[in-house]
Amino acid sequence: MQGCDLVAFSPDGRERLSSSHTFAFEETTKVGLFSRLWSHCANARLTIVHDTVGEHDLHLPPCSSRSIAHFTPEDGANPVCKDALGEAIRSHGITPDVIDTSFSVFTNIRLDPMSGTVVVGSPHSIAPGTVKLRAEQDLLIGLSTCSSAMPCEANQPSIQFAVEPGA
């Protein structure tokens, strides 16, 4: 299953997704079914209402040119998620430098309990994985699929993804 990064902003761009607030308010670092994703202003932004995968990531930011050069230099000049997301939000008047957190859908990141080392593994799921999110407020959503050969499994079957409007 191919990984992808999702960013969420308020329509005016002032409020954005926050991993630290999500971990604090959800009282866990594991994000899955019925988890809410929170903003840096402590507002619930999205709720996972359907999930065939079971676990996703909020620990790492979307890959940037620098992170690719550092961690997977063999990927060379592949397009990276942060650049794609940055271009998308720039057209809405939001500067790309505010992207420091993403909801990494289908991505398998573990923290080694003894050392605290970040372990990037192959995704938990096989196609077709499905995640449905309910928007708790009006949002601007950006979604970018991973182009790295590993561990995101680039060029795999398409991702089924839906964001449902809130009540």
C-alpha atoms as a PDB file:
ATOM      1  CA  MET A   1       0.000   0.000   0.000  1.00  0.00           C
ATOM      2  CA  GLN A   2       1.364   3.386  -0.971  1.00  0.00           C
ATOM      3  CA  GLY A   3       1.808   5.951   1.776  1.00  0.00           C
ATOM      4  CA  CYS A   4       0.598   9.516   1.520  1.00  0.00           C
ATOM      5  CA  ASP A   5       0.724  12.715   3.547  1.00  0.00           C
ATOM      6  CA  LEU A   6      -2.309  14.796   4.467  1.00  0.00           C
ATOM      7  CA  VAL A   7      -2.221  18.357   5.765  1.00  0.00           C
ATOM      8  CA  ALA A   8      -5.239  20.249   7.042  1.00  0.00           C
ATOM      9  CA  PHE A   9      -5.667  23.999   7.459  1.00  0.00           C
ATOM     10  CA  SER A  10      -8.483  26.297   8.430  1.00  0.00           C
ATOM     11  CA  PRO A  11      -9.826  28.081   5.324  1.00  0.00           C
ATOM     12  CA  ASP A  12      -7.932  31.257   6.300  1.00  0.00           C
ATOM     13  CA  GLY A  13      -4.712  29.252   6.762  1.00  0.00           C
ATOM     14  CA  ARG A  14      -4.139  30.364  10.366  1.00  0.00           C
ATOM     15  CA  GLU A  15      -4.804  26.988  11.972  1.00  0.00           C
ATOM     16  CA  ARG A  16      -3.042  23.753  11.008  1.00  0.00           C
ATOM     17  CA  LEU A  17      -2.784  20.117  11.954  1.00  0.00           C
ATOM     18  CA  SER A  18      -0.599  19.397  14.993  1.00  0.00           C
ATOM     19  CA  SER A  19       0.906  16.057  15.972  1.00  0.00           C
ATOM     20  CA  SER A  20       1.773  17.215  19.493  1.00  0.00           C
ATOM     21  CA  HIS A  21      -1.782  18.414  20.178  1.00  0.00           C
ATOM     22  CA  THR A  22      -3.199  15.223  18.658  1.00  0.00           C
ATOM     23  CA  PHE A  23      -0.993  13.083  20.925  1.00  0.00           C
ATOM     24  CA  ALA A  24      -1.896  15.193  23.975  1.00  0.00           C
ATOM     25  CA  PHE A  25      -5.668  15.311  23.471  1.00  0.00           C
ATOM     26  CA  GLU A  26      -5.970  11.712  22.271  1.00  0.00           C
ATOM     27  CA  GLU A  27      -3.619  10.619  25.091  1.00  0.00           C
ATOM     28  CA  THR A  28      -1.746   8.259  22.765  1.00  0.00           C
ATOM     29  CA  THR A  29       0.792   8.350  19.957  1.00  0.00           C
ATOM     30  CA  LYS A  30      -1.132   5.697  17.984  1.00  0.00           C
ATOM     31  CA  VAL A  31      -3.605   7.122  15.489  1.00  0.00           C
ATOM     32  CA  GLY A  32      -6.361   4.882  14.138  1.00  0.00           C
ATOM     33  CA  LEU A  33     -10.128   4.318  14.084  1.00  0.00           C
ATOM     34  CA  PHE A  34     -12.076   7.013  16.004  1.00  0.00           C
ATOM     35  CA  SER A  35      -8.937   9.062  16.666  1.00  0.00           C
ATOM     36  CA  ARG A  36      -9.357  12.784  16.255  1.00  0.00           C
ATOM     37  CA  LEU A  37      -6.666  14.885  14.613  1.00  0.00           C
ATOM     38  CA  TRP A  38      -6.172  18.206  16.393  1.00  0.00           C
ATOM     39  CA  SER A  39      -4.887  21.633  15.356  1.00  0.00           C
ATOM     40  CA  HIS A  40      -2.139  23.661  16.972  1.00  0.00           C
ATOM     41  CA  CYS A  41      -4.966  25.786  18.452  1.00  0.00           C
ATOM     42  CA  ALA A  42      -6.375  22.702  20.255  1.00  0.00           C
ATOM     43  CA  ASN A  43      -9.390  22.247  17.985  1.00  0.00           C
ATOM     44  CA  ALA A  44     -10.468  18.855  16.665  1.00  0.00           C
ATOM     45  CA  ARG A  45     -10.092  19.049  12.869  1.00  0.00           C
ATOM     46  CA  LEU A  46     -10.746  15.502  11.589  1.00  0.00           C
ATOM     47  CA  THR A  47     -12.034  12.223  13.000  1.00  0.00           C
ATOM     48  CA  ILE A  48     -11.143   8.824  11.539  1.00  0.00           C
ATOM     49  CA  VAL A  49     -14.558   7.192  11.039  1.00  0.00           C
ATOM     50  CA  HIS A  50     -13.552   4.166   8.942  1.00  0.00           C
ATOM     51  CA  ASP A  51     -10.157   2.516   8.724  1.00  0.00           C
ATOM     52  CA  THR A  52      -9.197  -0.834   7.236  1.00  0.00           C
ATOM     53  CA  VAL A  53      -5.520  -0.301   8.092  1.00  0.00           C
ATOM     54  CA  GLY A  54      -5.635   0.362  11.837  1.00  0.00           C
ATOM     55  CA  GLU A  55      -2.611   2.565  12.386  1.00  0.00           C
ATOM     56  CA  HIS A  56      -1.075   5.617  10.729  1.00  0.00           C
ATOM     57  CA  ASP A  57       1.658   8.100  11.578  1.00  0.00           C
ATOM     58  CA  LEU A  58       1.965  11.621  12.935  1.00  0.00           C
ATOM     59  CA  HIS A  59       5.559  11.385  14.179  1.00  0.00           C
ATOM     60  CA  LEU A  60       7.474  12.475  11.089  1.00  0.00           C
ATOM     61  CA  PRO A  61       6.944  15.509   8.858  1.00  0.00           C
ATOM     62  CA  PRO A  62       6.347  15.030   5.138  1.00  0.00           C
ATOM     63  CA  CYS A  63       9.562  14.285   3.271  1.00  0.00           C
ATOM     64  CA  SER A  64      11.451  17.295   2.030  1.00  0.00           C
ATOM     65  CA  SER A  65      14.362  17.525  -0.374  1.00  0.00           C
ATOM     66  CA  ARG A  66      16.683  17.681   2.641  1.00  0.00           C
ATOM     67  CA  SER A  67      15.203  14.628   4.346  1.00  0.00           C
ATOM     68  CA  ILE A  68      15.365  12.582   1.132  1.00  0.00           C
ATOM     69  CA  ALA A  69      19.027  13.557   0.645  1.00  0.00           C
ATOM     70  CA  HIS A  70      19.749  12.553   4.251  1.00  0.00           C
ATOM     71  CA  PHE A  71      17.752   9.323   4.595  1.00  0.00           C
ATOM     72  CA  THR A  72      17.372   7.919   1.069  1.00  0.00           C
ATOM     73  CA  PRO A  73      19.910   9.584  -1.246  1.00  0.00           C
ATOM     74  CA  GLU A  74      19.326   6.781  -3.772  1.00  0.00           C
ATOM     75  CA  ASP A  75      15.904   8.326  -4.472  1.00  0.00           C
ATOM     76  CA  GLY A  76      17.722  11.283  -6.042  1.00  0.00           C
ATOM     77  CA  ALA A  77      15.570  14.035  -7.459  1.00  0.00           C
ATOM     78  CA  ASN A  78      12.165  12.378  -7.064  1.00  0.00           C
ATOM     79  CA  PRO A  79       9.383  14.809  -6.262  1.00  0.00           C
ATOM     80  CA  VAL A  80       8.756  14.989  -2.521  1.00  0.00           C
ATOM     81  CA  CYS A  81       5.556  15.348  -0.528  1.00  0.00           C
ATOM     82  CA  LYS A  82       6.445  18.638   1.175  1.00  0.00           C
ATOM     83  CA  ASP A  83       7.112  20.317  -2.178  1.00  0.00           C
ATOM     84  CA  ALA A  84       3.829  19.062  -3.656  1.00  0.00           C
ATOM     85  CA  LEU A  85       1.845  20.066  -0.571  1.00  0.00           C
ATOM     86  CA  GLY A  86       3.619  23.423  -0.457  1.00  0.00           C
ATOM     87  CA  GLU A  87       2.658  24.217  -4.046  1.00  0.00           C
ATOM     88  CA  ALA A  88      -0.950  23.257  -3.372  1.00  0.00           C
ATOM     89  CA  ILE A  89      -1.348  25.431  -0.270  1.00  0.00           C
ATOM     90  CA  ARG A  90       0.598  28.352  -1.747  1.00  0.00           C
ATOM     91  CA  SER A  91      -2.262  28.822  -4.217  1.00  0.00           C
ATOM     92  CA  HIS A  92      -4.494  29.453  -1.170  1.00  0.00           C
ATOM     93  CA  GLY A  93      -2.183  32.085   0.315  1.00  0.00           C
ATOM     94  CA  ILE A  94      -0.512  29.756   2.851  1.00  0.00           C
ATOM     95  CA  THR A  95       3.277  29.648   2.907  1.00  0.00           C
ATOM     96  CA  PRO A  96       4.828  26.157   2.667  1.00  0.00           C
ATOM     97  CA  ASP A  97       7.143  26.781   5.641  1.00  0.00           C
ATOM     98  CA  VAL A  98       4.204  26.159   8.011  1.00  0.00           C
ATOM     99  CA  ILE A  99       4.066  22.486   7.001  1.00  0.00           C
ATOM    100  CA  ASP A 100       5.741  20.785   9.940  1.00  0.00           C
ATOM    101  CA  THR A 101       3.212  18.006  10.585  1.00  0.00           C
ATOM    102  CA  SER A 102       1.273  15.688   8.338  1.00  0.00           C
ATOM    103  CA  PHE A 103      -1.072  12.795   8.886  1.00  0.00           C
ATOM    104  CA  SER A 104       0.847  10.034   7.120  1.00  0.00           C
ATOM    105  CA  VAL A 105      -1.890   7.739   5.905  1.00  0.00           C
ATOM    106  CA  PHE A 106      -0.918   4.057   5.530  1.00  0.00           C
ATOM    107  CA  THR A 107       2.577   4.813   6.854  1.00  0.00           C
ATOM    108  CA  ASN A 108       4.213   2.494   9.398  1.00  0.00           C
ATOM    109  CA  ILE A 109       6.455   4.396  11.817  1.00  0.00           C
ATOM    110  CA  ARG A 110       7.402   2.806  15.119  1.00  0.00           C
ATOM    111  CA  LEU A 111       9.387   4.071  18.064  1.00  0.00           C
ATOM    112  CA  ASP A 112      11.707   1.477  19.537  1.00  0.00           C
ATOM    113  CA  PRO A 113      10.635   1.252  23.197  1.00  0.00           C
ATOM    114  CA  MET A 114      14.184   0.810  24.503  1.00  0.00           C
ATOM    115  CA  SER A 115      16.189   3.296  22.445  1.00  0.00           C
ATOM    116  CA  GLY A 116      13.490   5.664  21.190  1.00  0.00           C
ATOM    117  CA  THR A 117      14.859   5.153  17.669  1.00  0.00           C
ATOM    118  CA  VAL A 118      12.431   5.874  14.847  1.00  0.00           C
ATOM    119  CA  VAL A 119      11.844   2.772  12.726  1.00  0.00           C
ATOM    120  CA  VAL A 120      10.287   3.252   9.292  1.00  0.00           C
ATOM    121  CA  GLY A 121       8.665   0.049   8.077  1.00  0.00           C
ATOM    122  CA  SER A 122       6.621  -1.093   5.129  1.00  0.00           C
ATOM    123  CA  PRO A 123       2.941  -0.141   5.368  1.00  0.00           C
ATOM    124  CA  HIS A 124       0.683  -2.347   7.519  1.00  0.00           C
ATOM    125  CA  SER A 125      -1.914  -2.845   4.825  1.00  0.00           C
ATOM    126  CA  ILE A 126      -2.342  -4.256   1.371  1.00  0.00           C
ATOM    127  CA  ALA A 127      -4.467  -2.658  -1.317  1.00  0.00           C
ATOM    128  CA  PRO A 128      -7.214  -1.656  -1.249  1.00  0.00           C
ATOM    129  CA  GLY A 129      -6.868   0.086   2.121  1.00  0.00           C
ATOM    130  CA  THR A 130      -9.559   2.561   3.047  1.00  0.00           C
ATOM    131  CA  VAL A 131      -9.625   5.484   5.471  1.00  0.00           C
ATOM    132  CA  LYS A 132     -12.562   7.846   5.883  1.00  0.00           C
ATOM    133  CA  LEU A 133     -12.234  11.099   7.774  1.00  0.00           C
ATOM    134  CA  ARG A 134     -15.003  13.344   9.012  1.00  0.00           C
ATOM    135  CA  ALA A 135     -14.197  17.051   8.943  1.00  0.00           C
ATOM    136  CA  GLU A 136     -15.082  18.630  12.297  1.00  0.00           C
ATOM    137  CA  GLN A 137     -14.688  22.145  10.889  1.00  0.00           C
ATOM    138  CA  ASP A 138     -14.341  23.673   7.434  1.00  0.00           C
ATOM    139  CA  LEU A 139     -10.913  22.715   6.165  1.00  0.00           C
ATOM    140  CA  LEU A 140      -8.462  23.108   3.344  1.00  0.00           C
ATOM    141  CA  ILE A 141      -6.977  19.628   2.771  1.00  0.00           C
ATOM    142  CA  GLY A 142      -3.782  18.790   0.921  1.00  0.00           C
ATOM    143  CA  LEU A 143      -2.913  15.206   0.031  1.00  0.00           C
ATOM    144  CA  SER A 144       0.293  13.966  -1.586  1.00  0.00           C
ATOM    145  CA  THR A 145       1.300  10.391  -2.376  1.00  0.00           C
ATOM    146  CA  CYS A 146       4.823   9.280  -1.561  1.00  0.00           C
ATOM    147  CA  SER A 147       7.267   8.997  -4.451  1.00  0.00           C
ATOM    148  CA  SER A 148      10.017   7.230  -2.518  1.00  0.00           C
ATOM    149  CA  ALA A 149      10.526   3.591  -3.467  1.00  0.00           C
ATOM    150  CA  MET A 150      10.835   2.554   0.176  1.00  0.00           C
ATOM    151  CA  PRO A 151       9.316   2.502   2.689  1.00  0.00           C
ATOM    152  CA  CYS A 152       6.264   4.209   1.219  1.00  0.00           C
ATOM    153  CA  GLU A 153       5.811   1.666  -1.565  1.00  0.00           C
ATOM    154  CA  ALA A 154       5.501   4.287  -4.311  1.00  0.00           C
ATOM    155  CA  ASN A 155       3.662   3.428  -7.517  1.00  0.00           C
ATOM    156  CA  GLN A 156       1.387   0.907  -5.801  1.00  0.00           C
ATOM    157  CA  PRO A 157      -2.356   0.634  -6.549  1.00  0.00           C
ATOM    158  CA  SER A 158      -4.385   3.786  -6.007  1.00  0.00           C
ATOM    159  CA  ILE A 159      -5.445   4.970  -2.576  1.00  0.00           C
ATOM    160  CA  GLN A 160      -9.114   5.102  -1.621  1.00  0.00           C
ATOM    161  CA  PHE A 161      -9.586   8.227   0.452  1.00  0.00           C
ATOM    162  CA  ALA A 162     -12.612  10.262   1.517  1.00  0.00           C
ATOM    163  CA  VAL A 163     -13.145  13.302   3.729  1.00  0.00           C
ATOM    164  CA  GLU A 164     -16.734  13.529   4.919  1.00  0.00           C
ATOM    165  CA  PRO A 165     -18.350  16.834   5.884  1.00  0.00           C
ATOM    166  CA  GLY A 166     -19.207  17.246   9.557  1.00  0.00           C
ATOM    167  CA  ALA A 167     -22.672  17.738  10.974  1.00  0.00           C
END
